[in-house]
N, C-alpha and C. Protein backbone atom coordinates (compact mmCIF):
# COMPACT_ATOMS: atom_id res chain seq x y z
N MET A 1 107.43 106.38 104.00
CA MET A 1 107.09 105.04 104.41
C MET A 1 105.63 104.72 104.06
N ARG A 2 104.76 105.73 104.30
CA ARG A 2 103.35 105.54 103.99
C ARG A 2 103.15 105.33 102.49
N ASP A 3 103.92 106.07 101.70
CA ASP A 3 103.84 105.93 100.24
C ASP A 3 104.28 104.53 99.80
N LEU A 4 105.32 104.02 100.44
CA LEU A 4 105.81 102.68 100.11
C LEU A 4 104.76 101.62 100.43
N ILE A 5 104.12 101.75 101.57
CA ILE A 5 103.07 100.79 101.95
C ILE A 5 101.90 100.88 100.98
N ALA A 6 101.51 102.10 100.62
CA ALA A 6 100.40 102.27 99.68
C ALA A 6 100.73 101.64 98.33
N ARG A 7 101.95 101.81 97.86
CA ARG A 7 102.34 101.21 96.58
C ARG A 7 102.35 99.68 96.67
N PHE A 8 102.80 99.15 97.80
CA PHE A 8 102.82 97.70 97.99
C PHE A 8 101.40 97.14 97.97
N VAL A 9 100.50 97.77 98.70
CA VAL A 9 99.11 97.30 98.75
C VAL A 9 98.48 97.40 97.37
N PHE A 10 98.71 98.49 96.67
CA PHE A 10 98.15 98.66 95.33
C PHE A 10 98.70 97.59 94.37
N GLY A 11 100.00 97.37 94.42
CA GLY A 11 100.60 96.36 93.55
C GLY A 11 100.10 94.97 93.87
N PHE A 12 99.99 94.65 95.15
CA PHE A 12 99.49 93.35 95.56
C PHE A 12 98.05 93.16 95.08
N THR A 13 97.24 94.20 95.19
CA THR A 13 95.86 94.14 94.73
C THR A 13 95.79 93.93 93.23
N MET A 14 96.66 94.61 92.52
CA MET A 14 96.66 94.48 91.06
C MET A 14 97.12 93.09 90.62
N LEU A 15 97.94 92.43 91.42
CA LEU A 15 98.38 91.08 91.08
C LEU A 15 97.33 90.03 91.43
N ILE A 16 96.65 90.20 92.56
CA ILE A 16 95.71 89.20 93.04
C ILE A 16 94.36 89.28 92.33
N ALA A 17 93.88 90.48 92.05
CA ALA A 17 92.54 90.64 91.47
C ALA A 17 92.39 89.89 90.15
N PRO A 18 93.31 90.00 89.20
CA PRO A 18 93.12 89.25 87.95
C PRO A 18 93.14 87.74 88.16
N LEU A 19 93.95 87.28 89.11
CA LEU A 19 94.00 85.84 89.35
C LEU A 19 92.68 85.31 89.88
N THR A 20 92.06 86.06 90.77
CA THR A 20 90.78 85.60 91.32
C THR A 20 89.67 85.71 90.29
N LEU A 21 89.73 86.72 89.44
CA LEU A 21 88.69 86.87 88.42
C LEU A 21 88.88 85.90 87.27
N ALA A 22 90.10 85.43 87.05
CA ALA A 22 90.38 84.54 85.93
C ALA A 22 89.96 83.11 86.19
N GLN A 23 89.72 82.75 87.43
CA GLN A 23 89.32 81.38 87.73
C GLN A 23 87.93 81.12 87.16
N GLU A 24 87.83 80.09 86.38
CA GLU A 24 86.56 79.74 85.77
C GLU A 24 85.92 78.62 86.59
N PRO A 25 84.61 78.65 86.70
CA PRO A 25 83.96 77.53 87.38
C PRO A 25 84.12 76.26 86.56
N SER A 26 84.17 75.16 87.25
CA SER A 26 84.36 73.90 86.54
C SER A 26 83.15 73.61 85.66
N ALA A 27 83.39 73.03 84.49
CA ALA A 27 82.33 72.75 83.54
C ALA A 27 81.44 71.61 84.04
N GLU A 28 82.02 70.66 84.78
CA GLU A 28 81.26 69.54 85.28
C GLU A 28 80.84 69.80 86.72
N PRO A 29 79.55 69.80 87.00
CA PRO A 29 79.12 70.04 88.37
C PRO A 29 79.47 68.84 89.24
N ASP A 30 79.68 69.11 90.49
CA ASP A 30 80.00 68.06 91.45
C ASP A 30 78.70 67.34 91.80
N LEU A 31 78.56 66.11 91.32
CA LEU A 31 77.31 65.37 91.48
C LEU A 31 77.06 64.98 92.94
N ALA A 32 78.09 64.66 93.68
CA ALA A 32 77.92 64.27 95.07
C ALA A 32 77.40 65.45 95.90
N ALA A 33 77.94 66.63 95.67
CA ALA A 33 77.49 67.81 96.40
C ALA A 33 76.06 68.16 96.02
N ALA A 34 75.72 68.01 94.73
CA ALA A 34 74.36 68.30 94.28
C ALA A 34 73.38 67.33 94.92
N GLU A 35 73.77 66.07 95.07
CA GLU A 35 72.89 65.07 95.67
C GLU A 35 72.65 65.37 97.15
N VAL A 36 73.70 65.76 97.86
CA VAL A 36 73.55 66.10 99.28
C VAL A 36 72.65 67.31 99.42
N TYR A 37 72.83 68.31 98.55
CA TYR A 37 72.01 69.51 98.59
C TYR A 37 70.55 69.16 98.31
N LYS A 38 70.33 68.28 97.33
CA LYS A 38 68.98 67.88 96.97
C LYS A 38 68.31 67.14 98.13
N ASP A 39 69.04 66.25 98.79
CA ASP A 39 68.49 65.52 99.92
C ASP A 39 68.12 66.47 101.06
N ALA A 40 68.97 67.43 101.33
CA ALA A 40 68.69 68.39 102.40
C ALA A 40 67.48 69.24 102.06
N ALA A 41 67.38 69.63 100.79
CA ALA A 41 66.24 70.44 100.36
C ALA A 41 64.95 69.65 100.47
N GLU A 42 64.98 68.40 100.08
CA GLU A 42 63.77 67.57 100.18
C GLU A 42 63.39 67.34 101.62
N GLU A 43 64.37 67.18 102.50
CA GLU A 43 64.08 66.97 103.91
C GLU A 43 63.41 68.20 104.51
N ARG A 44 63.89 69.37 104.13
CA ARG A 44 63.28 70.59 104.63
C ARG A 44 61.88 70.76 104.07
N ALA A 45 61.68 70.38 102.83
CA ALA A 45 60.38 70.56 102.20
C ALA A 45 59.34 69.59 102.76
N ALA A 46 59.76 68.51 103.38
CA ALA A 46 58.83 67.51 103.90
C ALA A 46 58.17 67.97 105.20
N LYS A 47 58.76 68.93 105.89
CA LYS A 47 58.24 69.37 107.17
C LYS A 47 57.80 70.83 107.06
N PHE A 48 56.72 71.14 107.78
CA PHE A 48 56.30 72.53 107.89
C PHE A 48 56.36 72.91 109.35
N VAL A 49 57.15 73.94 109.64
CA VAL A 49 57.26 74.41 111.00
C VAL A 49 56.80 75.86 111.00
N GLY A 50 55.71 76.12 111.68
CA GLY A 50 55.19 77.47 111.77
C GLY A 50 56.06 78.33 112.68
N VAL A 51 56.12 79.58 112.36
CA VAL A 51 56.92 80.53 113.13
C VAL A 51 55.96 81.41 113.91
N SER A 52 56.18 81.50 115.20
CA SER A 52 55.34 82.37 116.00
C SER A 52 56.16 83.57 116.45
N GLY A 53 55.51 84.69 116.56
CA GLY A 53 56.21 85.90 116.97
C GLY A 53 55.35 87.10 116.66
N PRO A 54 55.87 88.28 116.97
CA PRO A 54 55.09 89.48 116.70
C PRO A 54 54.91 89.69 115.19
N GLU A 55 53.76 90.21 114.85
CA GLU A 55 53.49 90.46 113.44
C GLU A 55 53.92 91.84 113.01
N ALA A 56 54.25 92.70 113.96
CA ALA A 56 54.65 94.07 113.64
C ALA A 56 55.87 94.44 114.48
N GLU A 57 56.48 95.54 114.10
CA GLU A 57 57.62 96.05 114.85
C GLU A 57 57.17 96.46 116.24
N SER A 58 57.97 96.16 117.24
CA SER A 58 57.60 96.54 118.60
C SER A 58 58.05 97.96 118.93
N VAL A 59 59.06 98.48 118.21
CA VAL A 59 59.54 99.84 118.43
C VAL A 59 59.40 100.60 117.11
N PRO A 60 58.66 101.69 117.10
CA PRO A 60 58.50 102.43 115.85
C PRO A 60 59.81 103.09 115.43
N GLY A 61 60.00 103.24 114.14
CA GLY A 61 61.25 103.80 113.62
C GLY A 61 61.44 105.25 113.96
N GLY A 62 60.36 106.00 114.10
CA GLY A 62 60.46 107.42 114.42
C GLY A 62 61.11 107.65 115.77
N ALA A 63 60.75 106.83 116.75
CA ALA A 63 61.34 106.97 118.08
C ALA A 63 62.83 106.65 118.05
N LEU A 64 63.21 105.65 117.28
CA LEU A 64 64.64 105.31 117.16
C LEU A 64 65.41 106.45 116.50
N MET A 65 64.83 107.06 115.47
CA MET A 65 65.50 108.16 114.78
C MET A 65 65.68 109.35 115.72
N LEU A 66 64.63 109.69 116.47
CA LEU A 66 64.73 110.81 117.40
C LEU A 66 65.76 110.51 118.49
N GLY A 67 65.81 109.27 118.94
CA GLY A 67 66.81 108.89 119.93
C GLY A 67 68.22 109.03 119.39
N ASP A 68 68.41 108.63 118.14
CA ASP A 68 69.74 108.76 117.52
C ASP A 68 70.15 110.21 117.39
N TYR A 69 69.21 111.06 116.95
CA TYR A 69 69.52 112.48 116.84
C TYR A 69 69.84 113.08 118.21
N ALA A 70 69.12 112.66 119.24
CA ALA A 70 69.38 113.17 120.59
C ALA A 70 70.79 112.78 121.03
N ILE A 71 71.19 111.56 120.76
CA ILE A 71 72.52 111.11 121.13
C ILE A 71 73.59 111.92 120.40
N VAL A 72 73.38 112.16 119.11
CA VAL A 72 74.36 112.94 118.34
C VAL A 72 74.46 114.35 118.89
N TRP A 73 73.33 114.99 119.21
CA TRP A 73 73.37 116.36 119.74
C TRP A 73 74.04 116.40 121.11
N VAL A 74 73.78 115.43 121.95
CA VAL A 74 74.42 115.40 123.27
C VAL A 74 75.93 115.23 123.11
N LEU A 75 76.35 114.32 122.23
CA LEU A 75 77.79 114.13 122.00
C LEU A 75 78.44 115.39 121.44
N LEU A 76 77.75 116.08 120.52
CA LEU A 76 78.28 117.32 119.97
C LEU A 76 78.40 118.38 121.06
N PHE A 77 77.38 118.48 121.91
CA PHE A 77 77.42 119.44 123.01
C PHE A 77 78.58 119.15 123.96
N LEU A 78 78.77 117.89 124.32
CA LEU A 78 79.88 117.52 125.20
C LEU A 78 81.23 117.81 124.56
N PHE A 79 81.34 117.55 123.25
CA PHE A 79 82.59 117.85 122.54
C PHE A 79 82.88 119.35 122.58
N LEU A 80 81.85 120.18 122.33
CA LEU A 80 82.05 121.62 122.34
C LEU A 80 82.40 122.13 123.74
N MET A 81 81.80 121.55 124.77
CA MET A 81 82.14 121.95 126.13
C MET A 81 83.58 121.56 126.46
N ARG A 82 84.01 120.42 125.98
CA ARG A 82 85.40 119.98 126.19
C ARG A 82 86.37 120.95 125.50
N MET A 83 86.05 121.35 124.27
CA MET A 83 86.90 122.29 123.54
C MET A 83 86.94 123.64 124.24
N ARG A 84 85.79 124.06 124.79
CA ARG A 84 85.74 125.33 125.51
C ARG A 84 86.63 125.28 126.74
N GLY A 85 86.59 124.17 127.47
CA GLY A 85 87.44 124.02 128.65
C GLY A 85 88.92 124.02 128.30
N LEU A 86 89.26 123.32 127.22
CA LEU A 86 90.67 123.30 126.79
C LEU A 86 91.13 124.68 126.34
N GLN A 87 90.25 125.42 125.66
CA GLN A 87 90.60 126.76 125.21
C GLN A 87 90.79 127.69 126.41
N ARG A 88 89.92 127.57 127.41
CA ARG A 88 90.05 128.39 128.62
C ARG A 88 91.36 128.06 129.34
N HIS A 89 91.69 126.77 129.44
CA HIS A 89 92.93 126.36 130.10
C HIS A 89 94.14 126.91 129.35
N THR A 90 94.10 126.87 128.03
CA THR A 90 95.20 127.38 127.22
C THR A 90 95.35 128.88 127.39
N ALA A 91 94.23 129.61 127.43
CA ALA A 91 94.29 131.06 127.61
C ALA A 91 94.86 131.41 128.98
N GLU A 92 94.46 130.68 130.03
CA GLU A 92 95.00 130.93 131.36
C GLU A 92 96.49 130.65 131.41
N GLU A 93 96.93 129.58 130.76
CA GLU A 93 98.35 129.24 130.72
C GLU A 93 99.15 130.31 129.97
N LEU A 94 98.59 130.81 128.88
CA LEU A 94 99.25 131.86 128.10
C LEU A 94 99.36 133.13 128.93
N GLU A 95 98.30 133.47 129.64
CA GLU A 95 98.33 134.67 130.49
C GLU A 95 99.36 134.51 131.60
N ARG A 96 99.44 133.32 132.19
CA ARG A 96 100.41 133.08 133.26
C ARG A 96 101.83 133.20 132.73
N LEU A 97 102.08 132.63 131.55
CA LEU A 97 103.43 132.70 130.97
C LEU A 97 103.78 134.13 130.60
N SER A 98 102.80 134.90 130.08
CA SER A 98 103.06 136.30 129.73
C SER A 98 103.41 137.09 130.98
N ALA A 99 102.69 136.87 132.09
CA ALA A 99 102.99 137.56 133.34
C ALA A 99 104.36 137.16 133.85
N GLU A 100 104.72 135.90 133.72
CA GLU A 100 106.03 135.43 134.16
C GLU A 100 107.15 136.08 133.36
N ILE A 101 106.93 136.23 132.05
CA ILE A 101 107.95 136.88 131.20
C ILE A 101 108.08 138.36 131.58
N ARG A 102 106.96 139.04 131.81
CA ARG A 102 107.01 140.46 132.19
C ARG A 102 107.71 140.61 133.54
N ALA A 103 107.46 139.69 134.47
CA ALA A 103 108.06 139.79 135.80
C ALA A 103 109.56 139.53 135.76
N SER A 104 110.01 138.72 134.81
CA SER A 104 111.44 138.43 134.75
C SER A 104 112.22 139.51 134.03
N GLY A 105 111.56 140.52 133.51
CA GLY A 105 112.25 141.65 132.87
C GLY A 105 112.40 141.47 131.37
N GLY A 106 111.71 140.52 130.78
CA GLY A 106 111.77 140.31 129.33
C GLY A 106 110.96 141.39 128.62
N SER A 107 111.05 141.43 127.33
CA SER A 107 110.36 142.47 126.58
C SER A 107 108.92 142.15 126.37
């Protein structure tokens, strides 16, 4: 089923990609759209609005990088502790089942 879906997606991509790439831009520019764009550009150019704000970063990049590494190490540690707990639980269950088999007279 997965192979069928992959083939369908690949085939669909191969059909659509040439159609989108084959579209040529129109030779005649849209004059109305160009006029609206020109008017908007001139309107923006007529006004100057100063931007106020900090001139530098408020949080240095080094602190962010160290924080990210700390998060990754904590998540890795928690993952390993979870795996250790699951392994311990599995070993206890195996030991219990082995004792149950020995008690029932199995080999």
